[in-house]
Amino acid sequence: MSLIDPGLLKVLCCPETHQPVSEADAVTVDELNKQIASGSLKNRNGKAITDKFDGVLMRQDGRMAYPIRNRIPIMIGEEGIPLVGGTATA
């Protein structure tokens, strides 16, 4: 089930590169939430993330993710989660 209205998803993009974003699959969201629970997930500014995600928007190149909380995409550059191959970097 999609958390984001398809019309809204068509106009959302990465705030830095303007690449399109798409919703991550449940496996990716679960993995990121496990990293949050273990205290190891940080945003691009190095701040530890403590609140679980309802979903995640992935940048087209797979190198950045943006959280979805309460069905609201958090499209702020500083809140982005750096990824390598679709997996959060340490």
N, C-alpha and C. Protein backbone atom coordinates (compact mmCIF):
# COMPACT_ATOMS: atom_id res chain seq x y z
N MET A 1 0.83 -1.18 0.00
CA MET A 1 0.00 0.00 0.00
C MET A 1 0.88 1.25 0.00
N SER A 2 0.56 2.17 -0.85
CA SER A 2 1.33 3.39 -0.97
C SER A 2 0.97 4.38 0.14
N LEU A 3 1.98 4.99 0.73
CA LEU A 3 1.76 6.00 1.76
C LEU A 3 1.56 7.39 1.16
N ILE A 4 2.05 7.59 -0.05
CA ILE A 4 2.04 8.89 -0.69
C ILE A 4 1.08 8.85 -1.89
N ASP A 5 0.26 9.88 -2.02
CA ASP A 5 -0.64 9.99 -3.15
C ASP A 5 0.18 9.96 -4.45
N PRO A 6 -0.22 9.15 -5.42
CA PRO A 6 0.54 9.05 -6.67
C PRO A 6 0.75 10.39 -7.37
N GLY A 7 -0.23 11.28 -7.30
CA GLY A 7 -0.08 12.60 -7.92
C GLY A 7 1.01 13.42 -7.25
N LEU A 8 1.06 13.34 -5.92
CA LEU A 8 2.11 14.05 -5.18
C LEU A 8 3.47 13.43 -5.48
N LEU A 9 3.53 12.12 -5.52
CA LEU A 9 4.81 11.44 -5.77
C LEU A 9 5.40 11.86 -7.13
N LYS A 10 4.55 12.13 -8.10
CA LYS A 10 5.03 12.54 -9.43
C LYS A 10 5.75 13.88 -9.39
N VAL A 11 5.39 14.75 -8.45
CA VAL A 11 6.03 16.08 -8.41
C VAL A 11 7.14 16.18 -7.38
N LEU A 12 7.25 15.21 -6.48
CA LEU A 12 8.33 15.24 -5.48
C LEU A 12 9.66 14.88 -6.13
N CYS A 13 10.73 15.51 -5.64
CA CYS A 13 12.06 15.20 -6.12
C CYS A 13 13.06 15.48 -4.99
N CYS A 14 14.26 14.99 -5.18
CA CYS A 14 15.33 15.25 -4.22
C CYS A 14 15.57 16.76 -4.18
N PRO A 15 15.63 17.34 -2.97
CA PRO A 15 15.84 18.78 -2.87
C PRO A 15 17.22 19.24 -3.34
N GLU A 16 18.16 18.33 -3.44
CA GLU A 16 19.52 18.70 -3.86
C GLU A 16 19.75 18.51 -5.36
N THR A 17 19.44 17.30 -5.83
CA THR A 17 19.76 16.95 -7.22
C THR A 17 18.56 17.06 -8.15
N HIS A 18 17.38 17.16 -7.58
CA HIS A 18 16.12 17.22 -8.33
C HIS A 18 15.81 15.93 -9.07
N GLN A 19 16.48 14.83 -8.67
CA GLN A 19 16.15 13.53 -9.23
C GLN A 19 14.80 13.08 -8.69
N PRO A 20 14.07 12.29 -9.48
CA PRO A 20 12.81 11.74 -9.00
C PRO A 20 13.04 10.82 -7.80
N VAL A 21 12.00 10.67 -6.99
CA VAL A 21 12.03 9.74 -5.85
C VAL A 21 10.88 8.76 -6.00
N SER A 22 11.05 7.61 -5.36
CA SER A 22 10.00 6.59 -5.34
C SER A 22 9.98 5.95 -3.97
N GLU A 23 8.85 5.34 -3.64
CA GLU A 23 8.74 4.71 -2.33
C GLU A 23 9.60 3.45 -2.28
N ALA A 24 10.31 3.30 -1.19
CA ALA A 24 11.14 2.11 -0.97
C ALA A 24 10.25 0.92 -0.62
N ASP A 25 10.76 -0.26 -0.88
CA ASP A 25 10.00 -1.46 -0.54
C ASP A 25 10.03 -1.70 0.97
N ALA A 26 9.16 -2.57 1.44
CA ALA A 26 9.02 -2.84 2.87
C ALA A 26 10.31 -3.39 3.48
N VAL A 27 11.06 -4.17 2.73
CA VAL A 27 12.31 -4.74 3.23
C VAL A 27 13.30 -3.63 3.56
N THR A 28 13.41 -2.64 2.68
CA THR A 28 14.32 -1.52 2.90
C THR A 28 13.89 -0.71 4.12
N VAL A 29 12.60 -0.42 4.23
CA VAL A 29 12.09 0.33 5.37
C VAL A 29 12.36 -0.44 6.67
N ASP A 30 12.11 -1.74 6.66
CA ASP A 30 12.37 -2.56 7.85
C ASP A 30 13.85 -2.52 8.24
N GLU A 31 14.73 -2.61 7.25
CA GLU A 31 16.17 -2.58 7.54
C GLU A 31 16.58 -1.24 8.16
N LEU A 32 16.07 -0.15 7.60
CA LEU A 32 16.39 1.16 8.16
C LEU A 32 15.82 1.30 9.58
N ASN A 33 14.62 0.80 9.81
CA ASN A 33 14.05 0.86 11.16
C ASN A 33 14.83 0.00 12.15
N LYS A 34 15.40 -1.10 11.70
CA LYS A 34 16.27 -1.90 12.57
C LYS A 34 17.52 -1.11 12.96
N GLN A 35 18.06 -0.37 11.99
CA GLN A 35 19.23 0.45 12.28
C GLN A 35 18.87 1.58 13.26
N ILE A 36 17.67 2.13 13.13
CA ILE A 36 17.21 3.14 14.08
C ILE A 36 17.14 2.54 15.48
N ALA A 37 16.54 1.35 15.59
CA ALA A 37 16.40 0.68 16.89
C ALA A 37 17.75 0.39 17.53
N SER A 38 18.75 0.11 16.71
CA SER A 38 20.08 -0.19 17.25
C SER A 38 20.89 1.08 17.52
N GLY A 39 20.35 2.22 17.12
CA GLY A 39 21.06 3.48 17.34
C GLY A 39 22.14 3.78 16.33
N SER A 40 22.14 3.07 15.20
CA SER A 40 23.24 3.24 14.25
C SER A 40 22.89 4.07 13.01
N LEU A 41 21.63 4.47 12.85
CA LEU A 41 21.25 5.22 11.65
C LEU A 41 21.37 6.71 11.90
N LYS A 42 22.06 7.39 10.99
CA LYS A 42 22.27 8.83 11.11
C LYS A 42 21.87 9.52 9.82
N ASN A 43 21.44 10.77 9.94
CA ASN A 43 21.12 11.53 8.74
C ASN A 43 22.40 12.11 8.16
N ARG A 44 22.27 12.85 7.09
CA ARG A 44 23.48 13.34 6.41
C ARG A 44 24.30 14.30 7.25
N ASN A 45 23.72 14.90 8.28
CA ASN A 45 24.46 15.78 9.18
C ASN A 45 25.11 15.03 10.34
N GLY A 46 24.95 13.70 10.36
CA GLY A 46 25.55 12.90 11.41
C GLY A 46 24.71 12.79 12.66
N LYS A 47 23.49 13.32 12.64
CA LYS A 47 22.60 13.24 13.80
C LYS A 47 21.91 11.88 13.83
N ALA A 48 21.95 11.24 14.98
CA ALA A 48 21.30 9.94 15.14
C ALA A 48 19.79 10.10 14.97
N ILE A 49 19.20 9.18 14.22
CA ILE A 49 17.75 9.16 14.01
C ILE A 49 17.15 8.27 15.08
N THR A 50 16.14 8.78 15.77
CA THR A 50 15.55 8.02 16.88
C THR A 50 14.10 7.61 16.64
N ASP A 51 13.42 8.25 15.70
CA ASP A 51 12.02 7.93 15.42
C ASP A 51 11.91 7.05 14.18
N LYS A 52 11.19 5.93 14.32
CA LYS A 52 11.02 5.00 13.21
C LYS A 52 10.30 5.66 12.05
N PHE A 53 10.52 5.10 10.86
CA PHE A 53 9.90 5.57 9.64
C PHE A 53 8.65 4.77 9.35
N ASP A 54 7.63 5.45 8.80
CA ASP A 54 6.47 4.75 8.26
C ASP A 54 6.80 4.24 6.87
N GLY A 55 7.64 4.97 6.19
CA GLY A 55 8.08 4.63 4.84
C GLY A 55 9.29 5.48 4.50
N VAL A 56 9.80 5.28 3.30
CA VAL A 56 11.00 5.99 2.86
C VAL A 56 10.87 6.28 1.37
N LEU A 57 11.28 7.47 0.98
CA LEU A 57 11.40 7.81 -0.44
C LEU A 57 12.86 7.71 -0.83
N MET A 58 13.12 6.97 -1.88
CA MET A 58 14.48 6.75 -2.36
C MET A 58 14.73 7.62 -3.59
N ARG A 59 15.87 8.28 -3.59
CA ARG A 59 16.28 9.04 -4.77
C ARG A 59 16.56 8.07 -5.91
N GLN A 60 16.35 8.50 -7.13
CA GLN A 60 16.49 7.64 -8.30
C GLN A 60 17.83 6.92 -8.37
N ASP A 61 18.92 7.59 -7.98
CA ASP A 61 20.24 6.95 -8.06
C ASP A 61 20.52 6.03 -6.88
N GLY A 62 19.58 5.94 -5.91
CA GLY A 62 19.75 5.03 -4.78
C GLY A 62 20.75 5.49 -3.74
N ARG A 63 21.22 6.73 -3.81
CA ARG A 63 22.25 7.19 -2.90
C ARG A 63 21.73 8.04 -1.74
N MET A 64 20.42 8.33 -1.73
CA MET A 64 19.85 9.13 -0.65
C MET A 64 18.40 8.70 -0.44
N ALA A 65 18.00 8.71 0.82
CA ALA A 65 16.62 8.37 1.18
C ALA A 65 16.06 9.46 2.07
N TYR A 66 14.76 9.65 1.99
CA TYR A 66 14.06 10.64 2.79
C TYR A 66 12.93 9.96 3.55
N PRO A 67 12.81 10.23 4.84
CA PRO A 67 11.79 9.54 5.65
C PRO A 67 10.37 10.00 5.35
N ILE A 68 9.44 9.09 5.60
CA ILE A 68 8.02 9.40 5.59
C ILE A 68 7.53 9.13 7.01
N ARG A 69 6.93 10.15 7.62
CA ARG A 69 6.37 10.00 8.97
C ARG A 69 4.96 10.54 8.96
N ASN A 70 4.03 9.76 9.49
CA ASN A 70 2.62 10.17 9.52
C ASN A 70 2.12 10.53 8.13
N ARG A 71 2.57 9.76 7.13
CA ARG A 71 2.18 9.94 5.72
C ARG A 71 2.71 11.24 5.12
N ILE A 72 3.67 11.87 5.78
CA ILE A 72 4.25 13.13 5.30
C ILE A 72 5.71 12.88 4.92
N PRO A 73 6.06 13.11 3.65
CA PRO A 73 7.47 12.96 3.25
C PRO A 73 8.28 14.13 3.78
N ILE A 74 9.42 13.83 4.38
CA ILE A 74 10.32 14.85 4.94
C ILE A 74 11.41 15.10 3.90
N MET A 75 11.15 16.06 3.03
CA MET A 75 12.04 16.32 1.89
C MET A 75 12.96 17.49 2.20
N ILE A 76 13.71 17.36 3.27
CA ILE A 76 14.68 18.37 3.69
C ILE A 76 16.06 17.75 3.55
N GLY A 77 16.96 18.43 2.86
CA GLY A 77 18.28 17.88 2.60
C GLY A 77 18.99 17.35 3.83
N GLU A 78 18.92 18.09 4.94
CA GLU A 78 19.61 17.68 6.17
C GLU A 78 19.01 16.42 6.77
N GLU A 79 17.77 16.10 6.45
CA GLU A 79 17.10 14.91 6.98
C GLU A 79 17.35 13.68 6.11
N GLY A 80 18.02 13.87 4.98
CA GLY A 80 18.31 12.75 4.10
C GLY A 80 19.24 11.74 4.75
N ILE A 81 19.08 10.49 4.33
CA ILE A 81 19.91 9.40 4.85
C ILE A 81 20.81 8.92 3.70
N PRO A 82 22.13 9.11 3.82
CA PRO A 82 23.03 8.65 2.77
C PRO A 82 22.99 7.12 2.65
N LEU A 83 22.95 6.63 1.41
CA LEU A 83 22.90 5.20 1.14
C LEU A 83 24.02 4.80 0.20
N VAL A 84 24.41 3.54 0.31
CA VAL A 84 25.35 2.94 -0.63
C VAL A 84 24.69 1.65 -1.10
N GLY A 85 24.38 1.57 -2.36
CA GLY A 85 23.72 0.39 -2.88
C GLY A 85 22.37 0.13 -2.23
N GLY A 86 21.65 1.20 -1.86
CA GLY A 86 20.35 1.05 -1.26
C GLY A 86 20.38 0.77 0.23
N THR A 87 21.58 0.75 0.83
CA THR A 87 21.72 0.48 2.25
C THR A 87 22.36 1.69 2.93
N ALA A 88 21.86 2.01 4.11
CA ALA A 88 22.38 3.17 4.83
C ALA A 88 23.85 3.00 5.15
N THR A 89 24.59 4.10 5.01
CA THR A 89 26.00 4.08 5.36
C THR A 89 26.15 4.31 6.85
N ALA A 90 27.24 3.85 7.40
CA ALA A 90 27.47 4.00 8.84
C ALA A 90 27.89 5.41 9.20
